[in-house]
C-alpha atoms as a PDB file:
ATOM      1  CA  MET A   1      90.359  71.927  92.756  1.00  0.00           C
ATOM      2  CA  GLY A   2      91.473  68.886  94.808  1.00  0.00           C
ATOM      3  CA  GLY A   3      89.781  68.042  98.001  1.00  0.00           C
ATOM      4  CA  MET A   4      88.035  71.128  99.586  1.00  0.00           C
ATOM      5  CA  ASP A   5      90.050  71.187 102.836  1.00  0.00           C
ATOM      6  CA  TYR A   6      89.752  74.560 104.221  1.00  0.00           C
ATOM      7  CA  GLN A   7      89.848  76.027 107.885  1.00  0.00           C
ATOM      8  CA  LYS A   8      88.416  79.250 109.333  1.00  0.00           C
ATOM      9  CA  VAL A   9      91.390  81.165 110.788  1.00  0.00           C
ATOM     10  CA  ASP A  10      90.576  84.006 113.157  1.00  0.00           C
ATOM     11  CA  LEU A  11      92.883  86.936 114.080  1.00  0.00           C
ATOM     12  CA  SER A  12      94.871  84.968 116.841  1.00  0.00           C
ATOM     13  CA  HIS A  13      96.827  83.242 113.925  1.00  0.00           C
ATOM     14  CA  PRO A  14     100.174  84.891 114.184  1.00  0.00           C
ATOM     15  CA  TYR A  15     100.341  85.853 110.557  1.00  0.00           C
ATOM     16  CA  LEU A  16      97.010  87.655 110.828  1.00  0.00           C
ATOM     17  CA  GLU A  17      98.299  90.024 113.630  1.00  0.00           C
ATOM     18  CA  HIS A  18      98.250  93.234 111.271  1.00  0.00           C
ATOM     19  CA  PHE A  19      94.476  92.870 111.297  1.00  0.00           C
ATOM     20  CA  LYS A  20      94.292  93.685 114.980  1.00  0.00           C
ATOM     21  CA  ASP A  21      95.266  97.281 114.192  1.00  0.00           C
ATOM     22  CA  TYR A  22      93.096  97.356 111.323  1.00  0.00           C
ATOM     23  CA  PRO A  23      90.874 100.657 111.217  1.00  0.00           C
ATOM     24  CA  ASP A  24      87.368  99.720 112.357  1.00  0.00           C
ATOM     25  CA  TRP A  25      85.993 101.932 109.485  1.00  0.00           C
ATOM     26  CA  LEU A  26      87.598  99.777 106.948  1.00  0.00           C
ATOM     27  CA  ASP A  27      85.542  96.732 108.109  1.00  0.00           C
ATOM     28  CA  PRO A  28      88.328  94.443 109.272  1.00  0.00           C
ATOM     29  CA  PRO A  29      87.700  90.779 108.767  1.00  0.00           C
ATOM     30  CA  ALA A  30      86.804  88.702 112.051  1.00  0.00           C
ATOM     31  CA  PHE A  31      88.487  85.628 110.266  1.00  0.00           C
ATOM     32  CA  LEU A  32      89.532  84.239 106.927  1.00  0.00           C
ATOM     33  CA  TYR A  33      88.644  81.060 105.106  1.00  0.00           C
ATOM     34  CA  ALA A  34      92.010  79.356 104.197  1.00  0.00           C
ATOM     35  CA  ARG A  35      93.444  76.527 102.204  1.00  0.00           C
ATOM     36  CA  GLY A  36      97.037  75.478 102.591  1.00  0.00           C
ATOM     37  CA  GLU A  37      99.249  76.791 105.238  1.00  0.00           C
ATOM     38  CA  LEU A  38      99.559  80.303 106.421  1.00  0.00           C
ATOM     39  CA  PRO A  39     103.166  81.200 107.869  1.00  0.00           C
ATOM     40  CA  ARG A  40     103.190  80.519 111.710  1.00  0.00           C
ATOM     41  CA  SER A  41     106.902  81.510 112.271  1.00  0.00           C
ATOM     42  CA  ARG A  42     107.811  84.322 114.857  1.00  0.00           C
ATOM     43  CA  PRO A  43     108.552  87.000 114.150  1.00  0.00           C
ATOM     44  CA  ARG A  44     106.014  87.211 111.330  1.00  0.00           C
ATOM     45  CA  PRO A  45     107.742  87.001 108.027  1.00  0.00           C
ATOM     46  CA  LYS A  46     108.062  90.087 106.087  1.00  0.00           C
ATOM     47  CA  THR A  47     105.470  90.282 103.400  1.00  0.00           C
ATOM     48  CA  ALA A  48     105.045  92.493 100.271  1.00  0.00           C
ATOM     49  CA  ALA A  49     101.922  92.746  98.143  1.00  0.00           C
ATOM     50  CA  ILE A  50     102.580  92.934  94.429  1.00  0.00           C
ATOM     51  CA  VAL A  51      99.596  93.933  92.521  1.00  0.00           C
ATOM     52  CA  GLY A  52      98.606  95.644  89.245  1.00  0.00           C
ATOM     53  CA  ALA A  53      96.824  95.559  85.809  1.00  0.00           C
ATOM     54  CA  ARG A  54      95.195  92.412  84.567  1.00  0.00           C
ATOM     55  CA  ARG A  55      95.832  93.619  80.958  1.00  0.00           C
ATOM     56  CA  CYS A  56      99.471  94.477  81.537  1.00  0.00           C
ATOM     57  CA  THR A  57     102.376  94.899  79.136  1.00  0.00           C
ATOM     58  CA  LYS A  58     105.401  92.591  78.777  1.00  0.00           C
ATOM     59  CA  TYR A  59     107.404  95.264  80.690  1.00  0.00           C
ATOM     60  CA  GLY A  60     104.890  94.957  83.660  1.00  0.00           C
ATOM     61  CA  GLU A  61     104.943  91.059  83.473  1.00  0.00           C
ATOM     62  CA  ASN A  62     108.871  91.089  83.743  1.00  0.00           C
ATOM     63  CA  ILE A  63     109.021  93.736  86.541  1.00  0.00           C
ATOM     64  CA  ALA A  64     106.431  91.663  88.635  1.00  0.00           C
ATOM     65  CA  TYR A  65     107.993  88.503  88.059  1.00  0.00           C
ATOM     66  CA  ASN A  66     111.547  89.610  88.818  1.00  0.00           C
ATOM     67  CA  PHE A  67     110.895  91.492  92.020  1.00  0.00           C
ATOM     68  CA  ALA A  68     108.693  88.813  93.344  1.00  0.00           C
ATOM     69  CA  TYR A  69     111.576  86.393  92.451  1.00  0.00           C
ATOM     70  CA  GLN A  70     114.182  88.457  94.209  1.00  0.00           C
ATOM     71  CA  LEU A  71     112.123  89.316  97.271  1.00  0.00           C
ATOM     72  CA  ALA A  72     111.254  85.735  97.571  1.00  0.00           C
ATOM     73  CA  LYS A  73     114.715  84.556  97.552  1.00  0.00           C
ATOM     74  CA  ARG A  74     115.237  86.939 100.616  1.00  0.00           C
ATOM     75  CA  GLY A  75     112.556  85.152 102.372  1.00  0.00           C
ATOM     76  CA  VAL A  76     109.778  87.601 101.808  1.00  0.00           C
ATOM     77  CA  VAL A  77     106.248  86.287 101.556  1.00  0.00           C
ATOM     78  CA  ILE A  78     104.437  87.614  98.214  1.00  0.00           C
ATOM     79  CA  VAL A  79     100.726  88.466  98.554  1.00  0.00           C
ATOM     80  CA  SER A  80      98.668  89.033  95.506  1.00  0.00           C
ATOM     81  CA  GLY A  81      95.099  88.535  94.037  1.00  0.00           C
ATOM     82  CA  LEU A  82      95.460  85.505  91.595  1.00  0.00           C
ATOM     83  CA  ALA A  83      94.088  87.647  88.861  1.00  0.00           C
ATOM     84  CA  TYR A  84      95.331  87.679  85.309  1.00  0.00           C
ATOM     85  CA  GLY A  85      98.519  89.989  84.498  1.00  0.00           C
ATOM     86  CA  ILE A  86     100.668  91.326  87.235  1.00  0.00           C
ATOM     87  CA  ASP A  87      99.013  89.211  90.152  1.00  0.00           C
ATOM     88  CA  THR A  88      99.774  86.005  88.219  1.00  0.00           C
ATOM     89  CA  CYS A  89     103.386  86.909  87.376  1.00  0.00           C
ATOM     90  CA  ALA A  90     103.938  87.908  90.930  1.00  0.00           C
ATOM     91  CA  HIS A  91     102.755  84.547  92.263  1.00  0.00           C
ATOM     92  CA  ARG A  92     104.836  82.609  89.702  1.00  0.00           C
ATOM     93  CA  GLY A  93     107.956  84.694  90.344  1.00  0.00           C
ATOM     94  CA  CYS A  94     107.725  83.842  94.002  1.00  0.00           C
ATOM     95  CA  LEU A  95     107.154  79.985  93.434  1.00  0.00           C
ATOM     96  CA  ASP A  96     109.921  79.773  90.966  1.00  0.00           C
ATOM     97  CA  ALA A  97     112.183  81.232  93.624  1.00  0.00           C
ATOM     98  CA  GLY A  98     111.008  78.602  96.002  1.00  0.00           C
ATOM     99  CA  GLY A  99     109.230  81.060  98.150  1.00  0.00           C
ATOM    100  CA  VAL A 100     105.994  81.383  99.953  1.00  0.00           C
ATOM    101  CA  THR A 101     102.991  83.230  98.300  1.00  0.00           C
ATOM    102  CA  ILE A 102      99.503  83.918  99.449  1.00  0.00           C
ATOM    103  CA  ALA A 103      96.618  84.459  97.056  1.00  0.00           C
ATOM    104  CA  VAL A 104      93.675  86.548  98.256  1.00  0.00           C
ATOM    105  CA  LEU A 105      90.328  85.517  96.483  1.00  0.00           C
ATOM    106  CA  GLY A 106      87.629  87.994  95.359  1.00  0.00           C
ATOM    107  CA  THR A 107      85.316  84.765  95.263  1.00  0.00           C
ATOM    108  CA  PRO A 108      84.345  82.183  97.848  1.00  0.00           C
ATOM    109  CA  ILE A 109      87.058  79.858  99.107  1.00  0.00           C
ATOM    110  CA  ASP A 110      85.971  76.890  96.869  1.00  0.00           C
ATOM    111  CA  GLN A 111      85.933  78.981  93.612  1.00  0.00           C
ATOM    112  CA  VAL A 112      89.071  79.933  91.852  1.00  0.00           C
ATOM    113  CA  TYR A 113      88.707  82.648  89.424  1.00  0.00           C
ATOM    114  CA  PRO A 114      89.959  82.956  86.752  1.00  0.00           C
ATOM    115  CA  ARG A 115      89.434  79.279  85.985  1.00  0.00           C
ATOM    116  CA  SER A 116      92.568  79.249  83.977  1.00  0.00           C
ATOM    117  CA  ASN A 117      94.654  79.895  87.199  1.00  0.00           C
ATOM    118  CA  LEU A 118      93.498  76.500  88.740  1.00  0.00           C
ATOM    119  CA  GLY A 119      96.936  74.957  88.001  1.00  0.00           C
ATOM    120  CA  LEU A 120      98.588  77.943  89.561  1.00  0.00           C
ATOM    121  CA  ALA A 121      96.182  77.749  92.574  1.00  0.00           C
ATOM    122  CA  GLU A 122      97.192  74.013  93.319  1.00  0.00           C
ATOM    123  CA  TYR A 123     100.958  75.007  93.049  1.00  0.00           C
ATOM    124  CA  ILE A 124     100.254  78.018  95.482  1.00  0.00           C
ATOM    125  CA  LEU A 125      98.878  75.337  97.992  1.00  0.00           C
ATOM    126  CA  GLU A 126     102.220  73.406  97.892  1.00  0.00           C
ATOM    127  CA  ARG A 127     104.025  76.299  99.194  1.00  0.00           C
ATOM    128  CA  GLY A 128     101.591  78.866 100.594  1.00  0.00           C
ATOM    129  CA  ALA A 129      97.842  79.509 101.109  1.00  0.00           C
ATOM    130  CA  ILE A 130      94.796  80.713  99.252  1.00  0.00           C
ATOM    131  CA  VAL A 131      92.463  82.930 101.461  1.00  0.00           C
ATOM    132  CA  SER A 132      88.929  84.340 101.150  1.00  0.00           C
ATOM    133  CA  GLU A 133      86.407  86.250 103.321  1.00  0.00           C
ATOM    134  CA  SER A 134      83.514  84.237 101.543  1.00  0.00           C
ATOM    135  CA  ALA A 135      82.356  80.806 102.641  1.00  0.00           C
ATOM    136  CA  PRO A 136      82.006  77.854 100.063  1.00  0.00           C
ATOM    137  CA  ALA A 137      79.013  78.136  97.873  1.00  0.00           C
ATOM    138  CA  THR A 138      78.180  81.763  98.683  1.00  0.00           C
ATOM    139  CA  PRO A 139      77.049  84.144  95.781  1.00  0.00           C
ATOM    140  CA  ILE A 140      79.796  86.024  93.821  1.00  0.00           C
ATOM    141  CA  PHE A 141      79.569  89.749  93.585  1.00  0.00           C
ATOM    142  CA  ARG A 142      81.471  91.985  91.249  1.00  0.00           C
ATOM    143  CA  GLU A 143      82.198  94.168  94.185  1.00  0.00           C
ATOM    144  CA  SER A 144      83.866  91.579  96.046  1.00  0.00           C
ATOM    145  CA  PHE A 145      86.867  91.711  93.760  1.00  0.00           C
ATOM    146  CA  LEU A 146      87.482  95.378  94.728  1.00  0.00           C
ATOM    147  CA  TYR A 147      86.584  94.849  98.363  1.00  0.00           C
ATOM    148  CA  ARG A 148      89.100  91.985  98.839  1.00  0.00           C
ATOM    149  CA  ASN A 149      92.039  94.442  97.975  1.00  0.00           C
ATOM    150  CA  ARG A 150      91.830  95.812 101.651  1.00  0.00           C
ATOM    151  CA  ILE A 151      92.777  92.195 102.643  1.00  0.00           C
ATOM    152  CA  VAL A 152      95.728  92.194 100.317  1.00  0.00           C
ATOM    153  CA  ALA A 153      96.820  95.553 101.827  1.00  0.00           C
ATOM    154  CA  GLY A 154      96.085  94.203 105.330  1.00  0.00           C
ATOM    155  CA  LEU A 155      98.374  91.185 104.958  1.00  0.00           C
ATOM    156  CA  ALA A 156     101.229  93.146 103.651  1.00  0.00           C
ATOM    157  CA  ASP A 157     104.048  95.270 105.198  1.00  0.00           C
ATOM    158  CA  ILE A 158     104.451  97.119 101.979  1.00  0.00           C
ATOM    159  CA  ILE A 159     102.662  97.270  98.663  1.00  0.00           C
ATOM    160  CA  LEU A 160     104.235  97.464  95.309  1.00  0.00           C
ATOM    161  CA  ILE A 161     102.101  98.591  92.228  1.00  0.00           C
ATOM    162  CA  VAL A 162     103.225  97.496  88.937  1.00  0.00           C
ATOM    163  CA  GLU A 163     101.006  99.104  86.015  1.00  0.00           C
ATOM    164  CA  ALA A 164      97.573 100.399  86.705  1.00  0.00           C
ATOM    165  CA  SER A 165      95.160 102.533  84.629  1.00  0.00           C
ATOM    166  CA  ILE A 166      93.827 105.690  85.979  1.00  0.00           C
ATOM    167  CA  HIS A 167      90.584 103.839  87.293  1.00  0.00           C
ATOM    168  CA  SER A 168      92.149 100.585  88.228  1.00  0.00           C
ATOM    169  CA  GLY A 169      91.052  98.672  91.092  1.00  0.00           C
ATOM    170  CA  THR A 170      94.741  98.686  92.201  1.00  0.00           C
ATOM    171  CA  ASN A 171      94.288 102.265  93.296  1.00  0.00           C
ATOM    172  CA  TYR A 172      91.724 100.995  95.772  1.00  0.00           C
ATOM    173  CA  THR A 173      94.438  98.775  97.290  1.00  0.00           C
ATOM    174  CA  ALA A 174      96.938 101.703  97.475  1.00  0.00           C
ATOM    175  CA  GLU A 175      94.290 103.677  99.453  1.00  0.00           C
ATOM    176  CA  ARG A 176      93.611 101.142 101.900  1.00  0.00           C
ATOM    177  CA  ALA A 177      97.369 100.721 102.478  1.00  0.00           C
ATOM    178  CA  VAL A 178      97.831 104.357 102.982  1.00  0.00           C
ATOM    179  CA  ASP A 179      94.758 104.169 105.355  1.00  0.00           C
ATOM    180  CA  GLN A 180      96.688 101.650 107.401  1.00  0.00           C
ATOM    181  CA  GLY A 181      99.928 103.970 107.506  1.00  0.00           C
ATOM    182  CA  LYS A 182     101.800 101.336 104.889  1.00  0.00           C
ATOM    183  CA  SER A 183     104.157 102.517 102.391  1.00  0.00           C
ATOM    184  CA  VAL A 184     103.066 102.110  98.841  1.00  0.00           C
ATOM    185  CA  TYR A 185     105.666 101.734  96.112  1.00  0.00           C
ATOM    186  CA  VAL A 186     104.950 102.468  92.487  1.00  0.00           C
ATOM    187  CA  VAL A 187     106.788 101.382  89.338  1.00  0.00           C
ATOM    188  CA  PRO A 188     106.925 104.281  86.933  1.00  0.00           C
ATOM    189  CA  GLY A 189     106.262 103.574  83.122  1.00  0.00           C
ATOM    190  CA  ASP A 190     105.973 104.808  79.731  1.00  0.00           C
ATOM    191  CA  ILE A 191     103.959 108.156  80.090  1.00  0.00           C
ATOM    192  CA  SER A 192     102.138 107.348  76.572  1.00  0.00           C
ATOM    193  CA  ARG A 193     100.670 104.038  77.923  1.00  0.00           C
ATOM    194  CA  PRO A 194      97.327 103.932  79.654  1.00  0.00           C
ATOM    195  CA  MET A 195      98.657 101.275  82.012  1.00  0.00           C
ATOM    196  CA  SER A 196     101.112 103.652  83.497  1.00  0.00           C
ATOM    197  CA  ALA A 197      98.601 106.590  83.947  1.00  0.00           C
ATOM    198  CA  GLY A 198      97.282 105.300  87.419  1.00  0.00           C
ATOM    199  CA  CYS A 199     101.065 104.569  88.487  1.00  0.00           C
ATOM    200  CA  HIS A 200     102.078 108.227  87.838  1.00  0.00           C
ATOM    201  CA  GLU A 201      99.035 109.622  89.571  1.00  0.00           C
ATOM    202  CA  LEU A 202      99.839 107.735  92.728  1.00  0.00           C
ATOM    203  CA  ILE A 203     103.454 108.946  92.484  1.00  0.00           C
ATOM    204  CA  LYS A 204     102.044 112.531  92.181  1.00  0.00           C
ATOM    205  CA  ASN A 205     100.048 111.835  95.346  1.00  0.00           C
ATOM    206  CA  GLY A 206     102.775 110.858  97.382  1.00  0.00           C
ATOM    207  CA  CYS A 207     103.543 107.302  96.864  1.00  0.00           C
ATOM    208  CA  LEU A 208     107.154 106.231  96.643  1.00  0.00           C
ATOM    209  CA  ILE A 209     108.922 105.635  93.308  1.00  0.00           C
ATOM    210  CA  CYS A 210     110.416 101.991  92.874  1.00  0.00           C
ATOM    211  CA  THR A 211     113.027 101.508  90.265  1.00  0.00           C
ATOM    212  CA  ASP A 212     115.140  98.733  91.948  1.00  0.00           C
ATOM    213  CA  LEU A 213     115.209  96.131  94.644  1.00  0.00           C
ATOM    214  CA  ASP A 214     116.845  98.354  97.256  1.00  0.00           C
ATOM    215  CA  ASP A 215     113.663 100.491  97.373  1.00  0.00           C
ATOM    216  CA  LEU A 216     111.513  97.516  98.687  1.00  0.00           C
ATOM    217  CA  LEU A 217     114.334  96.129 100.882  1.00  0.00           C
ATOM    218  CA  ILE A 218     114.571  99.360 102.708  1.00  0.00           C
ATOM    219  CA  GLY A 219     110.757  99.605 102.991  1.00  0.00           C
ATOM    220  CA  LEU A 220     110.811  96.051 104.560  1.00  0.00           C
ATOM    221  CA  HIS A 221     113.723  97.142 106.949  1.00  0.00           C
ATOM    222  CA  LEU A 222     115.948  94.479 105.215  1.00  0.00           C
ATOM    223  CA  LYS A 223     119.604  95.076 104.158  1.00  0.00           C
ATOM    224  CA  ALA A 224     119.880  96.901 100.870  1.00  0.00           C
ATOM    225  CA  GLU A 225     122.115  95.513  98.163  1.00  0.00           C
ATOM    226  CA  THR A 226     123.918  98.896  97.816  1.00  0.00           C
ATOM    227  CA  THR A 227     124.490 102.100  99.811  1.00  0.00           C
ATOM    228  CA  SER A 228     123.685 104.564  97.014  1.00  0.00           C
ATOM    229  CA  ALA A 229     122.826 108.176  97.689  1.00  0.00           C
ATOM    230  CA  ARG A 230     119.209 107.381  96.540  1.00  0.00           C
ATOM    231  CA  ALA A 231     118.926 104.469  98.705  1.00  0.00           C
ATOM    232  CA  LYS A 232     120.121 106.620 101.610  1.00  0.00           C
ATOM    233  CA  ASN A 233     117.548 109.134 100.755  1.00  0.00           C
ATOM    234  CA  LEU A 234     114.765 106.508 100.793  1.00  0.00           C
ATOM    235  CA  GLU A 235     115.778 105.305 104.206  1.00  0.00           C
ATOM    236  CA  LYS A 236     115.766 109.088 105.382  1.00  0.00           C
ATOM    237  CA  TYR A 237     112.206 109.655 104.231  1.00  0.00           C
ATOM    238  CA  ARG A 238     110.873 106.081 104.862  1.00  0.00           C
ATOM    239  CA  ASN A 239     108.704 107.152 107.897  1.00  0.00           C
ATOM    240  CA  CYS A 240     107.226 110.271 106.262  1.00  0.00           C
ATOM    241  CA  THR A 241     103.601 110.481 105.826  1.00  0.00           C
ATOM    242  CA  PRO A 242     102.040 110.823 102.240  1.00  0.00           C
ATOM    243  CA  GLU A 243     101.484 114.536 103.038  1.00  0.00           C
ATOM    244  CA  GLN A 244     104.952 115.214 104.122  1.00  0.00           C
ATOM    245  CA  ARG A 245     106.325 113.449 100.896  1.00  0.00           C
ATOM    246  CA  LYS A 246     104.197 115.698  98.876  1.00  0.00           C
ATOM    247  CA  ILE A 247     105.882 118.622 100.818  1.00  0.00           C
ATOM    248  CA  ILE A 248     109.274 117.220 100.080  1.00  0.00           C
ATOM    249  CA  ALA A 249     108.520 116.685  96.524  1.00  0.00           C
ATOM    250  CA  CYS A 250     107.480 120.504  96.188  1.00  0.00           C
ATOM    251  CA  VAL A 251     110.826 121.645  97.748  1.00  0.00           C
ATOM    252  CA  LYS A 252     112.670 119.346  95.408  1.00  0.00           C
ATOM    253  CA  ALA A 253     110.750 120.910  92.314  1.00  0.00           C
ATOM    254  CA  GLY A 254     111.494 124.396  93.665  1.00  0.00           C
ATOM    255  CA  ILE A 255     108.046 125.106  95.046  1.00  0.00           C
ATOM    256  CA  ASP A 256     109.667 126.183  98.417  1.00  0.00           C
ATOM    257  CA  THR A 257     107.338 128.586 100.041  1.00  0.00           C
ATOM    258  CA  PRO A 258     104.209 127.789 102.167  1.00  0.00           C
ATOM    259  CA  ASP A 259     102.003 130.008  99.793  1.00  0.00           C
ATOM    260  CA  GLU A 260     103.373 128.340  96.617  1.00  0.00           C
ATOM    261  CA  MET A 261     102.866 124.926  98.153  1.00  0.00           C
ATOM    262  CA  ALA A 262      99.411 125.615  99.361  1.00  0.00           C
ATOM    263  CA  LYS A 263      98.456 126.867  95.797  1.00  0.00           C
ATOM    264  CA  TYR A 264     100.129 124.073  94.043  1.00  0.00           C
ATOM    265  CA  LEU A 265      98.871 121.254  96.250  1.00  0.00           C
ATOM    266  CA  GLU A 266      95.340 122.851  96.634  1.00  0.00           C
ATOM    267  CA  TRP A 267      95.700 122.716 100.404  1.00  0.00           C
ATOM    268  CA  GLY A 268      94.931 125.017 103.030  1.00  0.00           C
ATOM    269  CA  LEU A 269      97.864 127.030 104.457  1.00  0.00           C
ATOM    270  CA  ILE A 270      97.238 125.615 107.989  1.00  0.00           C
ATOM    271  CA  ALA A 271      97.664 121.840 106.401  1.00  0.00           C
ATOM    272  CA  VAL A 272     100.898 123.006 104.635  1.00  0.00           C
ATOM    273  CA  ASN A 273     102.391 124.653 107.638  1.00  0.00           C
ATOM    274  CA  ASN A 274     101.522 121.578 109.912  1.00  0.00           C
ATOM    275  CA  ALA A 275     103.362 119.332 107.572  1.00  0.00           C
ATOM    276  CA  LEU A 276     106.283 121.718 107.251  1.00  0.00           C
ATOM    277  CA  THR A 277     106.559 121.902 111.126  1.00  0.00           C
ATOM    278  CA  PHE A 278     106.775 118.102 111.396  1.00  0.00           C
ATOM    279  CA  LEU A 279     109.391 118.019 108.729  1.00  0.00           C
ATOM    280  CA  GLU A 280     111.388 120.562 110.406  1.00  0.00           C
ATOM    281  CA  ILE A 281     111.032 118.863 113.857  1.00  0.00           C
ATOM    282  CA  GLY A 282     112.362 115.667 112.116  1.00  0.00           C
ATOM    283  CA  GLN A 283     115.110 117.600 110.558  1.00  0.00           C
ATOM    284  CA  LEU A 284     114.344 116.820 106.958  1.00  0.00           C
ATOM    285  CA  ILE A 285     113.934 120.626 105.998  1.00  0.00           C
ATOM    286  CA  GLN A 286     115.020 123.868 107.318  1.00  0.00           C
ATOM    287  CA  ARG A 287     114.093 127.421 106.760  1.00  0.00           C
ATOM    288  CA  ASP A 288     116.104 129.684 104.685  1.00  0.00           C
ATOM    289  CA  GLY A 289     114.427 133.223 105.031  1.00  0.00           C
ATOM    290  CA  SER A 290     110.777 132.672 103.611  1.00  0.00           C
ATOM    291  CA  ARG A 291     111.827 129.606 101.680  1.00  0.00           C
ATOM    292  CA  PHE A 292     112.413 126.037 102.812  1.00  0.00           C
ATOM    293  CA  ILE A 293     115.271 123.792 101.763  1.00  0.00           C
ATOM    294  CA  LEU A 294     116.141 120.150 102.160  1.00  0.00           C
ATOM    295  CA  VAL A 295     118.613 119.272 105.018  1.00  0.00           C
END
């Protein structure tokens, strides 16, 4: 892969500032090995991670490519994992738009996997960077591919998941993003396809549905393309926790008393009432007798 020019980049680098607030229990990296150039501009450029299934459908490929392309045209850096499928489409969409993309390897910095993406890796180095936690010539472990997903989540401001099976490693990325207090957006799919099952489970668990570019632009605090009622609602609920979003989803579905919510969500009544209190304080819901309604 060309000459092996790499550098050890610590957390003082302006682009890695998110890791300074990274939860200790998630084992934040002390540094990353990097090839190419990580962005140095101030303020730090907006960054979206786009990840998903390796064995994806054509639908998923098109979604990943198009969102990456449109975000890159607006100056958003695209982060992904250089894997087959969704990751590859995200990197290519960004590059075709003339944008900056960063690939996070699950292998040492000197070993690109899959090897069929060597050409793509070289192209990425012209416009962005490739990073890894592992030094050259170190052993490769299967677990490293899953573990690197916390780095993907750590670099991004928001995470977009495009197709994932119910046991996909992509779900690990979503969990690590939620642990960091970041918004996770999920593209819904065909309910009959296994590659949509993981996405729909994430949506049930409080992740945000993404059906157009505005959803992502709002999450990145960028100007949306439209001012639709749905876009305004996304703006309204943007700062809610996953737990609060589940309560809002219950109210929308007519599950509108604390007892019903606790039973449906399989939560304790104290947890339900805590979430309801914060939503009331935020003026997102209000009491109507024994029920709750959206404001």
